[in-house]
N, C-alpha and C. Protein backbone atom coordinates (compact mmCIF):
# COMPACT_ATOMS: atom_id res chain seq x y z
N MET A 1 0.96 -1.41 -0.11
CA MET A 1 -0.21 -0.02 0.09
C MET A 1 0.89 1.18 -0.27
N LYS A 2 0.35 1.73 -1.01
CA LYS A 2 1.53 3.24 -0.91
C LYS A 2 0.45 4.43 -0.42
N LEU A 3 0.95 4.88 0.84
CA LEU A 3 0.50 6.45 1.32
C LEU A 3 0.73 7.73 0.75
N PRO A 4 0.43 8.17 0.41
CA PRO A 4 0.43 9.51 -0.26
C PRO A 4 1.11 10.81 0.08
N LEU A 5 1.58 11.60 -0.43
CA LEU A 5 2.82 12.27 0.20
C LEU A 5 2.60 13.08 1.25
N ASN A 6 1.45 13.78 1.47
CA ASN A 6 0.76 14.18 2.96
C ASN A 6 1.24 13.30 3.40
N SER A 7 0.50 12.67 3.43
CA SER A 7 0.36 11.62 4.99
C SER A 7 1.98 11.15 5.08
N LEU A 8 2.91 10.69 4.51
CA LEU A 8 4.24 10.77 4.43
C LEU A 8 5.06 11.90 5.69
N TYR A 9 4.48 12.79 5.20
CA TYR A 9 4.97 13.96 5.53
C TYR A 9 4.89 14.49 6.95
N HIS A 10 3.30 13.83 7.64
CA HIS A 10 2.85 13.86 8.49
C HIS A 10 3.39 12.67 9.78
N LEU A 11 4.04 12.16 9.37
CA LEU A 11 4.60 10.45 9.42
C LEU A 11 5.93 11.03 9.99
N PHE A 12 6.35 11.58 9.00
CA PHE A 12 7.86 12.39 9.27
C PHE A 12 7.91 13.42 10.02
N PHE A 13 7.10 14.66 10.18
CA PHE A 13 7.40 15.10 11.16
C PHE A 13 6.82 15.07 12.64
N LEU A 14 6.25 13.59 12.84
CA LEU A 14 5.58 13.05 13.67
C LEU A 14 6.86 12.59 14.89
N LEU A 15 7.53 11.71 14.27
CA LEU A 15 8.92 11.33 14.28
C LEU A 15 9.80 11.90 14.71
N PHE A 16 10.47 12.72 13.94
CA PHE A 16 10.79 13.57 13.99
C PHE A 16 10.90 14.68 15.50
N SER A 17 9.44 15.31 15.13
CA SER A 17 9.12 15.90 16.70
C SER A 17 9.76 14.73 18.10
N LEU A 18 9.12 13.36 17.88
CA LEU A 18 9.54 12.85 18.96
C LEU A 18 10.44 12.78 19.28
N GLY A 19 11.47 12.88 18.54
CA GLY A 19 12.60 12.18 18.69
C GLY A 19 13.57 13.36 19.35
N TYR A 20 13.29 14.99 18.57
CA TYR A 20 13.56 16.12 18.85
C TYR A 20 13.08 16.20 20.41
N ASN A 21 11.88 15.94 20.48
CA ASN A 21 11.41 15.81 22.11
C ASN A 21 12.39 15.58 23.04
N HIS A 22 12.80 14.50 22.77
CA HIS A 22 13.60 13.45 23.66
C HIS A 22 15.08 13.72 23.97
N LEU A 23 15.31 14.18 22.73
CA LEU A 23 16.64 15.20 23.36
C LEU A 23 17.02 16.74 23.72
N CYS A 24 15.75 17.24 23.87
CA CYS A 24 15.51 18.64 24.49
C CYS A 24 15.26 18.23 25.88
N SER A 25 15.03 16.74 26.48
CA SER A 25 14.10 17.27 27.74
C SER A 25 14.58 16.63 28.95
N ALA A 26 16.01 17.34 28.66
CA ALA A 26 16.73 17.07 30.24
C ALA A 26 16.68 18.58 30.37
N GLN A 27 16.47 19.96 29.85
CA GLN A 27 16.44 20.92 30.28
C GLN A 27 15.41 21.63 30.71
N THR A 28 15.72 21.78 32.34
CA THR A 28 14.03 23.00 32.47
C THR A 28 14.51 24.45 32.57
N PHE A 29 13.45 24.69 32.99
CA PHE A 29 13.30 26.65 32.75
C PHE A 29 12.62 26.95 33.85
N ASP A 30 12.33 26.43 34.97
CA ASP A 30 11.54 26.58 36.72
C ASP A 30 12.60 27.70 37.02
N HIS A 31 11.66 28.70 37.78
CA HIS A 31 12.49 29.97 38.36
C HIS A 31 12.91 30.95 37.50
N GLY A 32 12.05 30.85 36.95
CA GLY A 32 12.68 31.91 35.86
C GLY A 32 12.08 33.31 36.21
N GLU A 33 13.07 34.29 35.39
CA GLU A 33 12.66 35.70 35.68
C GLU A 33 12.48 36.55 34.08
N VAL A 34 11.09 37.51 34.65
CA VAL A 34 10.97 38.38 33.08
C VAL A 34 12.15 39.56 33.41
N ILE A 35 12.57 40.27 32.37
CA ILE A 35 13.71 40.87 32.72
C ILE A 35 13.09 41.93 31.41
N ASN A 36 12.22 42.98 32.57
CA ASN A 36 11.27 43.53 30.91
C ASN A 36 11.62 45.11 31.41
N GLY A 37 13.13 45.26 31.91
CA GLY A 37 12.64 46.36 32.23
C GLY A 37 13.17 47.31 31.15
N PRO A 38 13.87 48.35 31.59
CA PRO A 38 14.81 49.98 30.74
C PRO A 38 15.43 49.38 29.55
N GLY A 39 15.21 49.22 28.31
CA GLY A 39 16.30 48.59 27.57
C GLY A 39 16.39 47.44 26.48
N PHE A 40 15.45 46.49 26.56
CA PHE A 40 14.83 45.64 25.92
C PHE A 40 13.54 46.22 24.88
N GLY A 41 14.24 46.19 23.68
CA GLY A 41 13.37 46.21 22.78
C GLY A 41 13.76 45.77 20.95
N TYR A 42 14.05 46.76 20.29
CA TYR A 42 14.70 46.18 19.01
C TYR A 42 16.04 45.32 18.86
N GLY A 43 17.32 46.38 19.98
CA GLY A 43 18.10 46.15 19.81
C GLY A 43 19.60 44.82 20.09
N ALA A 44 20.51 44.36 20.42
CA ALA A 44 20.86 42.72 20.27
C ALA A 44 20.95 42.65 21.63
N VAL A 45 21.06 41.59 22.10
CA VAL A 45 21.27 41.22 23.30
C VAL A 45 22.16 40.16 23.82
N LYS A 46 23.18 40.81 24.65
CA LYS A 46 24.36 40.28 24.99
C LYS A 46 25.12 39.74 26.09
N ALA A 47 25.46 38.76 26.32
CA ALA A 47 25.81 37.92 27.48
C ALA A 47 27.52 37.46 27.23
N PHE A 48 28.04 38.22 28.61
CA PHE A 48 29.36 38.44 29.20
C PHE A 48 29.59 38.01 30.20
N ASP A 49 30.31 37.88 31.15
CA ASP A 49 30.66 38.27 32.52
C ASP A 49 31.06 39.75 32.86
N ALA A 50 30.66 40.11 32.88
CA ALA A 50 30.92 42.03 32.68
C ALA A 50 31.77 42.28 34.61
N ASP A 51 31.54 41.39 35.44
CA ASP A 51 31.80 41.87 36.84
C ASP A 51 33.07 40.70 37.16
N ARG A 52 32.91 40.01 36.28
CA ARG A 52 34.68 38.86 36.24
C ARG A 52 34.02 38.00 37.32
N ASP A 53 32.88 37.45 38.26
CA ASP A 53 32.32 36.90 39.18
C ASP A 53 31.65 35.05 38.71
N GLY A 54 32.17 35.34 37.30
CA GLY A 54 31.76 33.59 37.00
C GLY A 54 30.83 33.34 36.54
N ASP A 55 29.51 34.14 36.35
CA ASP A 55 28.15 33.86 35.40
C ASP A 55 27.97 35.45 34.96
N LEU A 56 26.85 34.69 33.62
CA LEU A 56 27.03 36.18 32.88
C LEU A 56 26.23 36.74 32.82
N ASP A 57 26.32 38.30 32.61
CA ASP A 57 25.99 39.63 32.66
C ASP A 57 24.82 39.50 31.10
N ILE A 58 24.11 40.58 31.67
CA ILE A 58 23.06 40.65 30.38
C ILE A 58 23.24 42.34 29.54
N LEU A 59 24.04 42.36 28.56
CA LEU A 59 24.02 43.47 27.87
C LEU A 59 22.52 43.79 26.75
N SER A 60 22.13 44.57 26.77
CA SER A 60 20.69 45.57 26.06
C SER A 60 21.21 46.87 26.43
N PHE A 61 22.51 47.29 24.54
CA PHE A 61 22.61 48.15 25.30
C PHE A 61 21.67 50.03 25.44
N PRO A 62 22.12 50.51 26.88
CA PRO A 62 23.25 50.68 27.28
C PRO A 62 22.71 50.19 28.20
N TYR A 63 21.42 49.86 28.82
CA TYR A 63 21.65 49.15 29.75
C TYR A 63 22.01 47.64 30.33
N LEU A 64 23.09 47.59 31.60
CA LEU A 64 24.41 46.24 32.07
C LEU A 64 23.02 45.75 33.26
N TYR A 65 22.55 44.24 32.69
CA TYR A 65 22.17 43.74 34.07
C TYR A 65 23.17 42.99 34.44
N PHE A 66 23.50 42.62 35.95
CA PHE A 66 24.21 42.05 36.57
C PHE A 66 23.54 40.86 37.03
N ASN A 67 23.88 39.53 37.39
CA ASN A 67 23.32 38.37 37.05
C ASN A 67 23.49 38.01 38.93
N ASP A 68 23.12 37.92 39.56
CA ASP A 68 23.53 37.52 41.32
C ASP A 68 24.09 35.86 41.31
N GLY A 69 24.28 35.08 40.01
CA GLY A 69 24.82 34.19 40.47
C GLY A 69 23.58 33.05 40.46
N HIS A 70 22.26 33.35 40.77
CA HIS A 70 21.69 32.49 40.42
C HIS A 70 20.39 32.78 40.13
N GLY A 71 20.82 33.37 38.56
CA GLY A 71 20.16 33.46 37.58
C GLY A 71 19.28 34.24 37.05
N ARG A 72 19.13 35.42 38.38
CA ARG A 72 18.37 36.64 38.44
C ARG A 72 19.34 38.18 38.62
N LYS A 73 18.69 39.16 38.40
CA LYS A 73 19.32 39.76 38.09
C LYS A 73 19.34 40.88 39.45
N GLU A 74 20.74 41.23 39.98
CA GLU A 74 21.35 41.77 40.72
C GLU A 74 20.84 43.38 41.11
N LYS A 75 21.50 43.70 40.24
CA LYS A 75 21.46 45.31 39.91
C LYS A 75 21.42 45.76 38.17
N ILE A 76 20.84 47.18 37.35
CA ILE A 76 21.03 47.51 36.35
C ILE A 76 22.04 48.95 36.61
N ILE A 77 22.86 48.62 35.61
CA ILE A 77 23.63 50.17 35.25
C ILE A 77 23.16 50.31 34.17
N VAL A 78 24.02 52.20 33.87
CA VAL A 78 23.28 52.22 32.81
C VAL A 78 25.08 52.94 32.13
N ILE A 79 25.30 52.47 30.80
CA ILE A 79 26.75 52.67 30.63
C ILE A 79 26.33 53.30 29.15
N GLY A 80 26.97 55.10 29.65
CA GLY A 80 27.00 56.28 28.51
C GLY A 80 25.98 56.25 28.43
N ASP A 81 25.32 57.75 27.68
CA ASP A 81 24.10 58.21 27.33
C ASP A 81 23.05 57.44 26.67
N SER A 82 21.93 56.45 28.15
CA SER A 82 20.89 56.38 27.20
C SER A 82 19.99 56.86 26.90
N LYS A 83 20.05 58.62 26.58
CA LYS A 83 19.39 58.93 25.37
C LYS A 83 20.37 59.51 23.52
N LYS A 84 21.11 58.85 23.20
CA LYS A 84 21.57 58.50 22.36
C LYS A 84 21.38 56.79 22.07
N GLU A 85 21.33 57.39 20.43
CA GLU A 85 20.32 56.02 20.06
C GLU A 85 22.08 55.65 19.40
N TYR A 86 22.47 54.06 19.65
CA TYR A 86 23.41 53.35 18.98
C TYR A 86 23.31 52.24 17.12
N GLU A 87 24.31 51.87 17.10
CA GLU A 87 23.57 51.13 15.91
C GLU A 87 24.20 49.80 16.27
N ASP A 88 24.88 49.79 16.74
CA ASP A 88 26.17 49.02 17.12
C ASP A 88 26.92 48.38 17.90
N PHE A 89 26.81 47.51 19.40
CA PHE A 89 28.02 47.59 19.59
C PHE A 89 28.42 46.02 19.94
N SER A 90 29.77 45.98 20.61
CA SER A 90 30.36 44.86 20.26
C SER A 90 31.40 45.27 21.49
N ILE A 91 31.71 43.77 22.05
CA ILE A 91 32.33 43.39 23.39
C ILE A 91 33.87 42.60 23.17
N GLU A 92 34.79 42.95 24.04
CA GLU A 92 35.83 42.08 23.74
C GLU A 92 36.86 43.00 24.29
N ASP A 93 37.75 42.48 24.42
CA ASP A 93 39.27 43.23 25.97
C ASP A 93 39.88 44.29 24.87
N ILE A 94 39.69 45.71 24.99
CA ILE A 94 40.31 46.51 24.42
C ILE A 94 41.20 46.62 24.95
N ASP A 95 41.75 46.57 26.44
CA ASP A 95 43.52 47.15 26.88
C ASP A 95 43.67 46.02 27.37
N GLY A 96 43.28 44.70 27.00
CA GLY A 96 44.78 44.00 26.74
C GLY A 96 44.55 43.26 29.13
N ASP A 97 43.26 43.87 29.69
CA ASP A 97 43.49 43.10 31.30
C ASP A 97 42.45 42.25 31.47
N LYS A 98 42.04 41.62 30.57
CA LYS A 98 41.51 40.13 30.24
C LYS A 98 39.95 40.23 31.63
N ASP A 99 39.54 41.26 31.37
CA ASP A 99 37.98 42.03 31.42
C ASP A 99 37.65 42.28 30.45
N LYS A 100 36.03 42.21 29.75
CA LYS A 100 35.37 42.50 28.35
C LYS A 100 35.18 44.13 28.59
N ASP A 101 35.17 44.78 27.18
CA ASP A 101 35.02 46.52 27.13
C ASP A 101 34.29 46.71 26.26
N ILE A 102 33.43 47.47 25.78
CA ILE A 102 32.33 47.95 25.82
C ILE A 102 32.81 48.88 24.21
N VAL A 103 32.63 48.11 22.97
CA VAL A 103 33.25 49.65 21.91
C VAL A 103 31.35 49.69 21.19
N VAL A 104 31.05 50.75 21.29
CA VAL A 104 30.01 51.72 20.77
C VAL A 104 30.07 52.23 19.58
N LEU A 105 28.84 51.75 18.14
CA LEU A 105 29.24 52.96 16.80
C LEU A 105 27.67 53.58 17.40
N TYR A 106 27.27 55.15 17.82
CA TYR A 106 26.11 55.53 17.94
C TYR A 106 25.70 56.18 16.57
N LYS A 107 24.48 56.29 16.40
CA LYS A 107 23.47 57.05 14.86
C LYS A 107 24.34 57.39 14.54
N ASN A 108 24.49 58.62 15.31
CA ASN A 108 25.30 60.43 14.77
C ASN A 108 26.64 59.90 13.97
N GLY A 109 27.49 58.85 14.11
CA GLY A 109 28.80 58.49 13.40
C GLY A 109 29.80 58.05 14.69
N ASP A 110 29.64 58.73 15.84
CA ASP A 110 30.23 58.68 17.06
C ASP A 110 30.89 56.92 17.10
N ILE A 111 32.06 57.12 17.72
CA ILE A 111 33.17 55.35 18.22
C ILE A 111 32.82 56.11 19.39
N ALA A 112 31.99 55.28 20.67
CA ALA A 112 32.73 55.22 21.92
C ALA A 112 33.34 53.97 22.70
N VAL A 113 34.59 53.60 23.52
CA VAL A 113 34.67 52.91 24.03
C VAL A 113 34.70 53.26 25.21
N PHE A 114 34.15 52.14 25.97
CA PHE A 114 34.19 51.75 28.02
C PHE A 114 34.88 50.93 27.63
N LEU A 115 35.49 50.63 28.86
CA LEU A 115 36.68 50.41 29.60
C LEU A 115 35.94 49.48 31.08
N ASN A 116 36.33 48.50 30.90
CA ASN A 116 35.65 47.92 32.38
C ASN A 116 36.55 47.46 33.17
N ASP A 117 37.41 48.47 34.37
CA ASP A 117 38.03 48.30 35.45
C ASP A 117 36.96 48.23 37.09
N THR A 118 37.86 49.06 38.08
CA THR A 118 38.01 48.00 39.26
C THR A 118 36.48 49.60 39.69
N LYS A 119 36.32 50.36 38.84
CA LYS A 119 35.21 51.27 39.48
C LYS A 119 34.24 51.35 38.43
N GLY A 120 34.26 50.02 37.52
CA GLY A 120 33.14 49.60 36.81
C GLY A 120 33.84 50.60 34.80
N PHE A 121 32.38 50.60 34.25
CA PHE A 121 32.70 50.42 32.55
C PHE A 121 32.71 52.24 32.61
N ASN A 122 34.22 53.23 32.11
CA ASN A 122 34.28 54.32 31.85
C ASN A 122 34.69 54.65 30.59
N LYS A 123 33.98 55.89 30.02
CA LYS A 123 34.77 56.13 28.67
C LYS A 123 35.81 56.34 28.82
N LYS A 124 36.09 56.01 27.67
CA LYS A 124 38.35 56.10 27.80
C LYS A 124 37.97 57.08 26.27
N GLU A 125 38.37 58.56 26.81
CA GLU A 125 39.13 59.83 25.72
C GLU A 125 39.43 59.11 25.42
N GLN A 126 39.58 59.93 23.66
CA GLN A 126 40.04 59.83 22.23
C GLN A 126 41.06 60.90 22.88
N LYS A 127 42.24 60.36 22.12
CA LYS A 127 42.85 61.20 21.14
C LYS A 127 42.98 61.59 19.86
N LYS A 128 42.20 61.13 19.37
CA LYS A 128 41.56 61.50 18.02
C LYS A 128 40.31 61.31 17.95
N GLU A 129 39.52 61.91 17.29
CA GLU A 129 38.34 61.96 16.92
C GLU A 129 37.89 60.48 16.21
N VAL A 130 37.58 59.48 16.63
CA VAL A 130 37.36 58.83 15.89
C VAL A 130 35.90 58.57 15.46
N THR A 131 34.87 57.60 14.26
CA THR A 131 33.60 58.87 13.59
C THR A 131 33.32 57.36 12.63
N TYR A 132 32.16 57.06 12.36
CA TYR A 132 31.59 56.46 11.22
C TYR A 132 31.39 57.13 10.81
N ARG A 133 30.61 57.48 9.57
CA ARG A 133 29.14 58.28 9.02
C ARG A 133 29.03 58.00 7.20
N PRO A 134 28.39 57.31 7.15
CA PRO A 134 26.97 57.53 7.58
C PRO A 134 27.16 55.76 8.36
N SER A 135 26.15 56.29 9.51
CA SER A 135 26.28 54.87 10.57
C SER A 135 25.38 54.00 10.01
N GLU A 136 24.42 54.23 9.07
CA GLU A 136 23.24 53.51 9.07
C GLU A 136 23.71 51.89 8.45
N TYR A 137 23.46 51.61 9.47
CA TYR A 137 23.31 49.52 9.19
C TYR A 137 24.41 49.20 8.80
N ALA A 138 25.45 49.48 9.91
CA ALA A 138 26.81 49.02 9.83
C ALA A 138 27.13 48.34 11.36
N ASN A 139 27.96 48.02 11.35
CA ASN A 139 28.14 46.63 11.77
C ASN A 139 29.67 46.97 12.31
N LEU A 140 29.70 46.61 13.98
CA LEU A 140 31.04 46.75 14.22
C LEU A 140 31.95 45.79 14.79
N TYR A 141 32.93 45.48 14.52
CA TYR A 141 33.55 44.38 14.82
C TYR A 141 35.06 44.75 15.80
N LEU A 142 34.78 43.69 16.82
CA LEU A 142 36.93 44.01 16.86
C LEU A 142 37.48 42.32 16.82
N TYR A 143 38.24 42.51 17.03
CA TYR A 143 39.51 41.46 16.74
C TYR A 143 40.64 42.22 16.46
N ASP A 144 41.36 41.61 16.10
CA ASP A 144 42.83 41.81 16.38
C ASP A 144 43.72 41.47 14.95
N ALA A 145 43.17 42.70 14.19
CA ALA A 145 43.24 42.40 12.72
C ALA A 145 44.81 42.58 12.39
N ASN A 146 45.54 43.26 12.91
CA ASN A 146 46.87 43.14 12.10
C ASN A 146 48.09 42.55 12.87
N ALA A 147 47.32 41.18 13.87
CA ALA A 147 48.34 40.72 14.42
C ALA A 147 49.28 40.89 15.29
N ASP A 148 49.11 42.44 15.99
CA ASP A 148 49.95 43.01 17.12
C ASP A 148 49.51 43.05 18.31
N GLY A 149 48.22 41.42 18.57
CA GLY A 149 48.60 41.37 19.95
C GLY A 149 47.20 42.68 20.59
N ILE A 150 47.99 43.76 20.10
CA ILE A 150 46.00 44.68 20.57
C ILE A 150 44.72 44.47 20.11
N CYS A 151 43.82 44.88 20.42
CA CYS A 151 42.21 44.57 19.61
C CYS A 151 42.57 45.93 19.20
N ASP A 152 41.51 46.02 17.32
CA ASP A 152 41.28 46.80 16.55
C ASP A 152 39.65 47.10 16.42
N ILE A 153 39.29 48.02 15.69
CA ILE A 153 37.54 48.35 16.19
C ILE A 153 37.05 48.38 13.69
N ILE A 154 36.75 47.08 13.60
CA ILE A 154 36.70 47.18 12.42
C ILE A 154 34.63 47.41 11.87
N ILE A 155 35.01 48.20 10.75
CA ILE A 155 33.64 48.70 10.97
C ILE A 155 33.41 48.54 9.38
N SER A 156 32.30 47.71 8.73
CA SER A 156 31.73 48.08 7.82
C SER A 156 29.63 48.47 7.93
N GLY A 157 30.07 48.71 6.50
CA GLY A 157 28.62 49.59 6.32
C GLY A 157 28.12 50.69 4.53
N LEU A 158 27.33 51.39 4.95
CA LEU A 158 27.10 52.05 3.60
C LEU A 158 28.16 52.36 2.93
N ARG A 159 29.00 52.43 3.90
CA ARG A 159 30.41 52.73 2.74
C ARG A 159 30.72 52.02 1.67
N GLY A 160 30.80 51.00 2.03
CA GLY A 160 31.06 49.88 0.99
C GLY A 160 32.59 49.17 1.70
N VAL A 161 33.64 49.75 1.47
CA VAL A 161 34.47 49.34 1.95
C VAL A 161 35.05 49.06 3.25
N PRO A 162 35.18 48.92 4.40
CA PRO A 162 35.32 48.36 5.43
C PRO A 162 36.44 49.17 5.79
N VAL A 163 36.02 49.77 6.97
CA VAL A 163 37.42 50.77 7.60
C VAL A 163 38.14 50.45 9.25
N ALA A 164 38.65 50.26 9.91
CA ALA A 164 39.65 49.71 10.47
C ALA A 164 40.69 50.93 11.25
N TYR A 165 40.34 50.99 12.88
CA TYR A 165 40.93 51.89 13.08
C TYR A 165 41.95 50.68 14.21
N ILE A 166 43.31 51.11 14.12
CA ILE A 166 44.11 50.48 14.30
C ILE A 166 44.24 50.86 15.68
N GLY A 167 44.10 49.61 17.32
CA GLY A 167 44.64 49.86 18.58
C GLY A 167 45.83 50.22 18.53
N ALA A 168 46.43 51.20 19.31
CA ALA A 168 47.87 51.26 19.98
C ALA A 168 47.83 50.91 21.23
N ALA A 169 49.14 50.60 21.53
CA ALA A 169 49.37 50.26 22.49
C ALA A 169 48.76 51.73 24.44
N ASN A 170 48.66 52.46 23.97
CA ASN A 170 48.32 53.02 24.37
C ASN A 170 47.02 53.99 24.36
């Protein structure tokens, strides 16, 4: 007896879902917390250990939610100017001290670096203004592009050709 194509599809879907549910059934999500405060909107959300306490914290720029170690928010801080719109942000160790710093590309084209130190995230004053205009639809990347051991800022967007700002030791 030959089954119609539609029936084969349903049989395959049923078997797949039974097997898939079995693979994912070990994880439970009880004691969840809804983080529906300021900052959660259309933008990206990234997790990293901002305070180096061994648990992940959540950044929905400019709001940083610190994890208390039990999966709940301990406190919220604002990084930079919460009234200034951003296009993209990235997290990486910019200054080589082994903790994660934040670099932001704002909608007006300004680029800000927030260094993570013992007093929190502080904006690093730039010796030379670093900008990228137009910043619409731009992506910001942080990595060591020239293999000198110092993190660089790379931006690609409407200009077509990516722009790199090479990091310096100071």
